[in-house]
N, C-alpha and C. Protein backbone atom coordinates (compact mmCIF):
# COMPACT_ATOMS: atom_id res chain seq x y z
N UNK A 1 0.73 -0.91 -0.01
CA UNK A 1 0.63 0.21 -0.10
C UNK A 1 0.88 1.26 0.12
N UNK A 2 0.25 2.24 -0.74
CA UNK A 2 1.45 3.31 -0.70
C UNK A 2 1.44 4.13 0.95
N UNK A 3 2.47 4.51 0.41
CA UNK A 3 2.38 5.83 1.85
C UNK A 3 2.26 6.54 1.87
N UNK A 4 1.05 7.20 2.45
CA UNK A 4 0.36 8.93 1.92
C UNK A 4 0.68 10.49 3.53
N UNK A 5 1.92 8.95 4.01
CA UNK A 5 2.12 9.70 5.62
C UNK A 5 2.40 11.62 4.79
N UNK A 6 2.52 12.05 6.26
CA UNK A 6 3.06 14.25 5.47
C UNK A 6 4.28 13.44 5.86
N UNK A 7 4.99 12.71 5.88
CA UNK A 7 6.59 12.30 5.68
C UNK A 7 7.07 12.34 4.28
N UNK A 8 6.63 11.03 4.02
CA UNK A 8 6.28 10.33 2.74
C UNK A 8 5.75 11.90 1.83
N UNK A 9 4.75 12.85 1.44
CA UNK A 9 4.61 12.99 0.50
C UNK A 9 5.40 14.67 1.55
N UNK A 10 5.99 14.95 1.67
CA UNK A 10 7.32 16.13 1.99
C UNK A 10 8.69 15.20 1.42
N UNK A 11 9.23 14.45 1.27
CA UNK A 11 9.89 13.77 1.19
C UNK A 11 9.49 13.70 -1.04
N UNK A 12 8.36 13.82 -1.23
CA UNK A 12 8.12 12.93 -2.20
C UNK A 12 8.46 15.22 -3.35
N UNK A 13 7.76 16.19 -2.74
CA UNK A 13 7.58 17.45 -3.18
C UNK A 13 8.71 18.36 -3.43
N UNK A 14 9.44 17.09 -2.18
CA UNK A 14 10.56 18.58 -1.83
C UNK A 14 12.00 18.87 -3.78
N UNK A 15 12.55 18.26 -3.69
CA UNK A 15 13.08 18.53 -5.83
C UNK A 15 11.46 19.98 -7.22
N UNK A 16 10.46 19.61 -6.01
CA UNK A 16 9.34 20.14 -7.33
C UNK A 16 9.16 21.05 -6.49
N UNK A 17 9.29 21.33 -5.16
CA UNK A 17 9.18 21.92 -4.65
C UNK A 17 10.13 22.89 -5.33
N UNK A 18 11.25 22.94 -4.90
CA UNK A 18 12.49 23.56 -5.24
C UNK A 18 12.78 24.25 -6.02
N UNK A 19 12.18 23.58 -7.56
CA UNK A 19 11.83 24.53 -8.72
C UNK A 19 11.08 25.56 -8.72
N UNK A 20 10.14 24.88 -7.95
CA UNK A 20 8.93 25.59 -7.78
C UNK A 20 8.67 27.39 -6.78
N UNK A 21 10.13 26.91 -6.27
CA UNK A 21 10.94 28.22 -5.83
C UNK A 21 12.06 29.32 -6.76
N UNK A 22 11.48 28.70 -6.80
CA UNK A 22 12.55 29.41 -8.39
C UNK A 22 11.74 29.58 -9.83
N UNK A 23 10.90 28.54 -10.47
CA UNK A 23 10.69 29.20 -10.51
C UNK A 23 8.72 29.96 -11.14
N UNK A 24 8.77 29.85 -9.67
CA UNK A 24 6.86 30.96 -9.25
C UNK A 24 7.03 31.85 -9.03
N UNK A 25 8.92 32.35 -9.24
CA UNK A 25 8.38 34.22 -9.03
C UNK A 25 8.65 34.60 -10.38
N UNK A 26 7.46 35.83 -10.11
CA UNK A 26 7.58 36.49 -11.69
C UNK A 26 8.95 37.26 -12.24
N UNK A 27 8.89 36.45 -13.32
CA UNK A 27 9.70 37.29 -14.63
C UNK A 27 10.44 36.42 -15.11
N UNK A 28 10.56 35.22 -14.07
CA UNK A 28 11.86 34.02 -14.14
C UNK A 28 11.82 33.23 -15.76
N UNK A 29 10.27 33.18 -15.16
CA UNK A 29 10.27 32.02 -17.08
C UNK A 29 10.34 32.55 -18.30
N UNK A 30 10.42 34.15 -18.28
CA UNK A 30 10.26 34.64 -19.30
C UNK A 30 12.16 34.87 -19.52
N UNK A 31 12.65 35.66 -18.17
CA UNK A 31 14.13 35.74 -18.64
C UNK A 31 14.73 34.21 -18.91
N UNK A 32 15.16 32.97 -18.33
CA UNK A 32 15.06 31.64 -19.47
C UNK A 32 14.69 31.07 -20.50
N UNK A 33 13.62 32.19 -21.04
CA UNK A 33 13.78 31.51 -22.10
C UNK A 33 13.79 32.46 -23.13
N UNK A 34 14.43 33.53 -22.69
CA UNK A 34 14.62 34.54 -24.19
C UNK A 34 17.06 33.97 -23.92
N UNK A 35 16.64 33.58 -23.13
CA UNK A 35 19.08 33.03 -22.51
C UNK A 35 18.53 31.44 -23.17
N UNK A 36 17.16 30.92 -23.51
CA UNK A 36 17.40 29.40 -23.78
C UNK A 36 18.26 29.96 -25.62
N UNK A 37 17.61 30.83 -25.79
CA UNK A 37 17.77 30.78 -27.00
C UNK A 37 19.39 31.67 -27.86
N UNK A 38 20.35 32.83 -26.75
CA UNK A 38 21.41 32.78 -27.18
C UNK A 38 21.78 33.45 -25.62
N UNK A 39 22.99 34.19 -25.45
CA UNK A 39 23.33 34.95 -24.65
C UNK A 39 22.64 36.71 -25.46
N UNK A 40 22.46 37.41 -24.22
CA UNK A 40 22.07 38.68 -24.07
C UNK A 40 22.96 39.51 -23.38
N UNK A 41 23.30 41.28 -24.10
CA UNK A 41 23.27 41.56 -23.20
C UNK A 41 21.92 41.97 -21.93
N UNK A 42 22.32 42.43 -21.32
CA UNK A 42 21.60 42.80 -19.76
C UNK A 42 20.22 44.21 -20.63
N UNK A 43 20.89 45.39 -21.77
CA UNK A 43 20.12 45.75 -22.56
C UNK A 43 19.14 45.17 -23.47
N UNK A 44 19.65 44.57 -24.01
CA UNK A 44 18.62 43.70 -24.85
C UNK A 44 17.70 42.74 -24.40
N UNK A 45 18.05 42.34 -22.78
CA UNK A 45 16.94 41.64 -21.58
C UNK A 45 15.69 42.00 -21.41
N UNK A 46 15.82 43.22 -21.32
CA UNK A 46 15.47 44.43 -20.63
C UNK A 46 14.16 44.65 -22.14
N UNK A 47 14.67 45.10 -22.51
CA UNK A 47 13.85 44.93 -24.14
C UNK A 47 12.87 44.41 -24.88
N UNK A 48 13.44 42.93 -24.37
CA UNK A 48 13.69 41.92 -24.52
C UNK A 48 12.13 41.03 -23.69
N UNK A 49 11.65 42.34 -22.63
CA UNK A 49 10.74 41.41 -21.89
C UNK A 49 10.33 42.91 -21.32
N UNK A 50 8.75 42.86 -22.13
CA UNK A 50 7.94 44.13 -21.69
C UNK A 50 7.40 44.29 -20.26
N UNK A 51 8.33 44.77 -19.93
CA UNK A 51 7.53 45.80 -18.55
C UNK A 51 7.68 45.58 -17.75
N UNK A 52 10.08 44.93 -17.57
CA UNK A 52 10.34 45.12 -16.09
C UNK A 52 10.76 45.46 -15.76
N UNK A 53 11.48 45.91 -14.68
CA UNK A 53 12.47 47.30 -14.08
C UNK A 53 14.13 46.60 -14.56
N UNK A 54 14.34 47.06 -14.57
CA UNK A 54 15.44 47.16 -14.40
C UNK A 54 15.77 46.59 -12.61
N UNK A 55 15.64 46.88 -11.90
CA UNK A 55 16.06 46.55 -10.59
C UNK A 55 15.92 44.97 -10.65
N UNK A 56 14.63 44.80 -11.16
CA UNK A 56 13.84 43.26 -11.18
C UNK A 56 14.31 42.44 -11.92
N UNK A 57 14.71 43.25 -13.38
CA UNK A 57 15.75 42.06 -13.64
C UNK A 57 17.23 41.18 -13.30
N UNK A 58 17.78 42.57 -12.27
CA UNK A 58 18.91 42.23 -11.62
C UNK A 58 18.70 41.61 -10.71
N UNK A 59 17.90 41.13 -9.78
CA UNK A 59 17.61 40.76 -9.24
C UNK A 59 16.96 39.54 -9.24
N UNK A 60 16.81 39.31 -10.59
CA UNK A 60 16.13 37.93 -10.54
C UNK A 60 17.33 37.58 -12.08
N UNK A 61 18.58 37.84 -11.69
CA UNK A 61 19.92 37.48 -12.14
C UNK A 61 20.41 37.13 -11.26
N UNK A 62 20.50 37.93 -10.36
CA UNK A 62 21.23 37.50 -9.17
C UNK A 62 20.98 36.29 -8.70
N UNK A 63 20.06 35.65 -8.88
CA UNK A 63 18.96 34.62 -8.10
C UNK A 63 19.30 33.19 -8.81
N UNK A 64 19.18 33.54 -10.32
CA UNK A 64 19.67 32.22 -11.27
C UNK A 64 20.89 31.58 -11.52
N UNK A 65 21.63 33.25 -11.22
CA UNK A 65 23.05 33.13 -10.83
C UNK A 65 23.77 32.62 -9.68
N UNK A 66 23.16 32.88 -8.65
CA UNK A 66 23.49 32.20 -7.04
C UNK A 66 22.33 30.33 -7.54
N UNK A 67 21.91 29.62 -7.96
CA UNK A 67 21.24 28.45 -9.02
C UNK A 67 21.83 28.48 -9.55
N UNK A 68 23.30 28.52 -9.97
CA UNK A 68 24.03 27.67 -10.77
C UNK A 68 23.04 27.57 -12.00
N UNK A 69 22.42 28.16 -12.70
CA UNK A 69 21.59 28.42 -14.03
C UNK A 69 21.71 29.41 -14.82
N UNK A 70 23.44 31.18 -14.54
CA UNK A 70 23.32 31.70 -15.15
C UNK A 70 24.49 32.52 -14.27
N UNK A 71 25.04 32.99 -16.36
CA UNK A 71 26.50 33.31 -15.73
C UNK A 71 26.07 34.74 -16.24
N UNK A 72 26.60 35.59 -15.75
CA UNK A 72 27.59 36.57 -16.26
C UNK A 72 28.57 36.84 -16.77
N UNK A 73 28.39 38.01 -17.17
CA UNK A 73 30.25 38.26 -18.44
C UNK A 73 30.23 39.11 -19.01
N UNK A 74 31.20 40.02 -18.01
CA UNK A 74 31.45 41.34 -18.92
C UNK A 74 32.53 41.20 -20.20
N UNK A 75 31.75 42.20 -21.13
CA UNK A 75 33.24 42.44 -21.94
C UNK A 75 33.32 43.93 -22.11
N UNK A 76 34.59 43.31 -21.82
CA UNK A 76 35.29 45.37 -21.36
C UNK A 76 35.18 46.16 -22.59
N UNK A 77 35.08 45.75 -23.40
CA UNK A 77 34.17 47.25 -24.24
C UNK A 77 36.24 48.27 -25.30
N UNK A 78 35.47 49.10 -25.22
CA UNK A 78 34.35 49.93 -24.70
C UNK A 78 33.53 49.91 -26.33
N UNK A 79 32.33 49.69 -25.62
CA UNK A 79 31.86 50.51 -23.40
C UNK A 79 31.41 49.03 -22.94
N UNK A 80 31.91 49.46 -22.15
CA UNK A 80 31.53 48.36 -20.68
C UNK A 80 30.58 46.93 -21.34
N UNK A 81 30.25 46.30 -20.77
CA UNK A 81 28.54 45.15 -20.61
C UNK A 81 28.51 44.56 -20.88
N UNK A 82 27.49 44.17 -20.20
CA UNK A 82 27.52 42.60 -18.93
C UNK A 82 26.43 41.80 -20.21
N UNK A 83 26.55 40.67 -20.36
CA UNK A 83 25.76 40.38 -21.12
C UNK A 83 25.70 38.71 -20.13
N UNK A 84 24.63 38.09 -20.04
CA UNK A 84 24.68 36.77 -19.80
C UNK A 84 23.43 35.56 -20.61
N UNK A 85 25.19 34.20 -19.93
CA UNK A 85 24.43 32.70 -20.88
C UNK A 85 23.52 32.66 -20.27
N UNK A 86 22.97 31.07 -20.11
CA UNK A 86 22.95 29.59 -20.16
C UNK A 86 23.83 28.67 -19.42
N UNK A 87 23.75 28.76 -17.61
CA UNK A 87 25.06 27.73 -17.85
C UNK A 87 24.38 25.81 -18.74
N UNK A 88 25.87 24.77 -17.76
CA UNK A 88 25.35 23.66 -17.96
C UNK A 88 23.05 23.00 -17.62
N UNK A 89 23.66 23.31 -16.70
CA UNK A 89 23.11 23.04 -15.70
C UNK A 89 21.55 24.27 -16.61
N UNK A 90 21.24 25.51 -16.29
CA UNK A 90 20.84 25.73 -17.06
C UNK A 90 19.65 25.21 -18.51
N UNK A 91 20.93 25.02 -19.15
CA UNK A 91 20.24 24.29 -20.65
C UNK A 91 19.58 23.23 -20.80
N UNK A 92 20.62 22.94 -19.88
CA UNK A 92 19.25 20.99 -19.46
C UNK A 92 18.14 21.45 -19.10
N UNK A 93 17.26 22.60 -18.33
CA UNK A 93 16.33 22.36 -18.53
C UNK A 93 15.42 23.28 -19.41
N UNK A 94 15.72 23.09 -20.70
CA UNK A 94 15.04 23.49 -21.58
C UNK A 94 14.28 22.61 -22.19
N UNK A 95 14.77 20.74 -22.55
CA UNK A 95 13.32 20.03 -22.78
C UNK A 95 11.67 20.99 -21.94
N UNK A 96 12.75 20.48 -19.84
CA UNK A 96 10.91 20.54 -19.23
C UNK A 96 10.59 21.42 -19.83
N UNK A 97 11.03 23.09 -20.38
CA UNK A 97 10.27 24.46 -20.38
C UNK A 97 9.36 24.03 -21.52
N UNK A 98 9.40 23.54 -22.24
CA UNK A 98 9.99 23.26 -23.55
C UNK A 98 8.28 22.23 -23.62
N UNK A 99 8.13 21.55 -22.96
CA UNK A 99 6.77 20.50 -23.00
C UNK A 99 6.15 20.79 -21.76
N UNK A 100 6.42 21.76 -21.13
CA UNK A 100 5.60 22.49 -19.90
C UNK A 100 4.66 23.55 -20.81
N UNK A 101 5.39 24.01 -22.14
CA UNK A 101 4.99 25.52 -23.19
C UNK A 101 3.97 24.61 -23.02
N UNK A 102 4.19 23.28 -23.74
CA UNK A 102 2.68 22.52 -24.35
C UNK A 102 1.80 21.75 -24.06
N UNK A 103 1.82 22.10 -22.57
CA UNK A 103 1.23 21.64 -22.10
C UNK A 103 0.56 22.26 -21.52
N UNK A 104 0.43 24.15 -21.47
CA UNK A 104 0.10 24.87 -21.56
C UNK A 104 -1.45 25.08 -22.63
N UNK A 105 -0.08 24.55 -23.36
CA UNK A 105 -1.06 25.23 -25.61
C UNK A 105 -2.46 24.04 -24.83
N UNK A 106 -2.42 22.89 -24.39
CA UNK A 106 -3.05 22.04 -24.83
C UNK A 106 -4.11 21.96 -24.15
N UNK A 107 -4.08 22.60 -22.54
CA UNK A 107 -4.28 22.21 -21.62
C UNK A 107 -4.83 23.75 -20.86
N UNK A 108 -4.10 24.38 -20.77
CA UNK A 108 -5.37 26.01 -20.33
C UNK A 108 -5.64 27.20 -21.02
N UNK A 109 -6.51 27.87 -21.05
CA UNK A 109 -7.56 28.41 -21.48
C UNK A 109 -6.29 29.83 -22.02
N UNK A 110 -6.40 30.65 -22.96
CA UNK A 110 -6.11 31.81 -23.51
C UNK A 110 -6.38 32.68 -22.81
N UNK A 111 -7.26 32.30 -21.52
CA UNK A 111 -7.44 33.26 -20.54
C UNK A 111 -6.17 32.93 -19.19
N UNK A 112 -5.57 31.73 -19.31
CA UNK A 112 -5.42 32.06 -18.02
C UNK A 112 -3.60 31.83 -18.47
N UNK A 113 -3.08 31.80 -20.06
CA UNK A 113 -2.18 31.76 -20.65
C UNK A 113 -2.10 33.80 -20.38
N UNK A 114 -2.47 33.82 -19.72
CA UNK A 114 -2.33 35.25 -20.71
C UNK A 114 -2.75 35.75 -21.05
N UNK A 115 -4.34 35.49 -22.42
CA UNK A 115 -4.75 36.03 -23.24
C UNK A 115 -3.61 36.08 -24.89
N UNK A 116 -2.69 34.86 -24.43
CA UNK A 116 -1.90 34.96 -25.33
C UNK A 116 -2.37 33.80 -26.30
């Protein structure tokens, strides 16, 4: 018989909980989506995500960097520019994120997807 105790449920949910602690935050998904295409400079990334502030973008990039998913690279210039790219761990998320996108297209109404 399956173990449905509180302890067993916590054990099962640890990995998925860690994923959604990071990806459940606003803007994280769109940032990773842009970076899956190619490395991007900060200003380009901000333009690619309408409505995100510089501060929020910087905060989310810092969190993604701390999680080992994004690398910050400084182009000495001139002018000095900062670019971001996914790490191997970040790139490895692509199949799972694409599958979630397909699931959303199939099962979420346009209103639940933000009208897209």
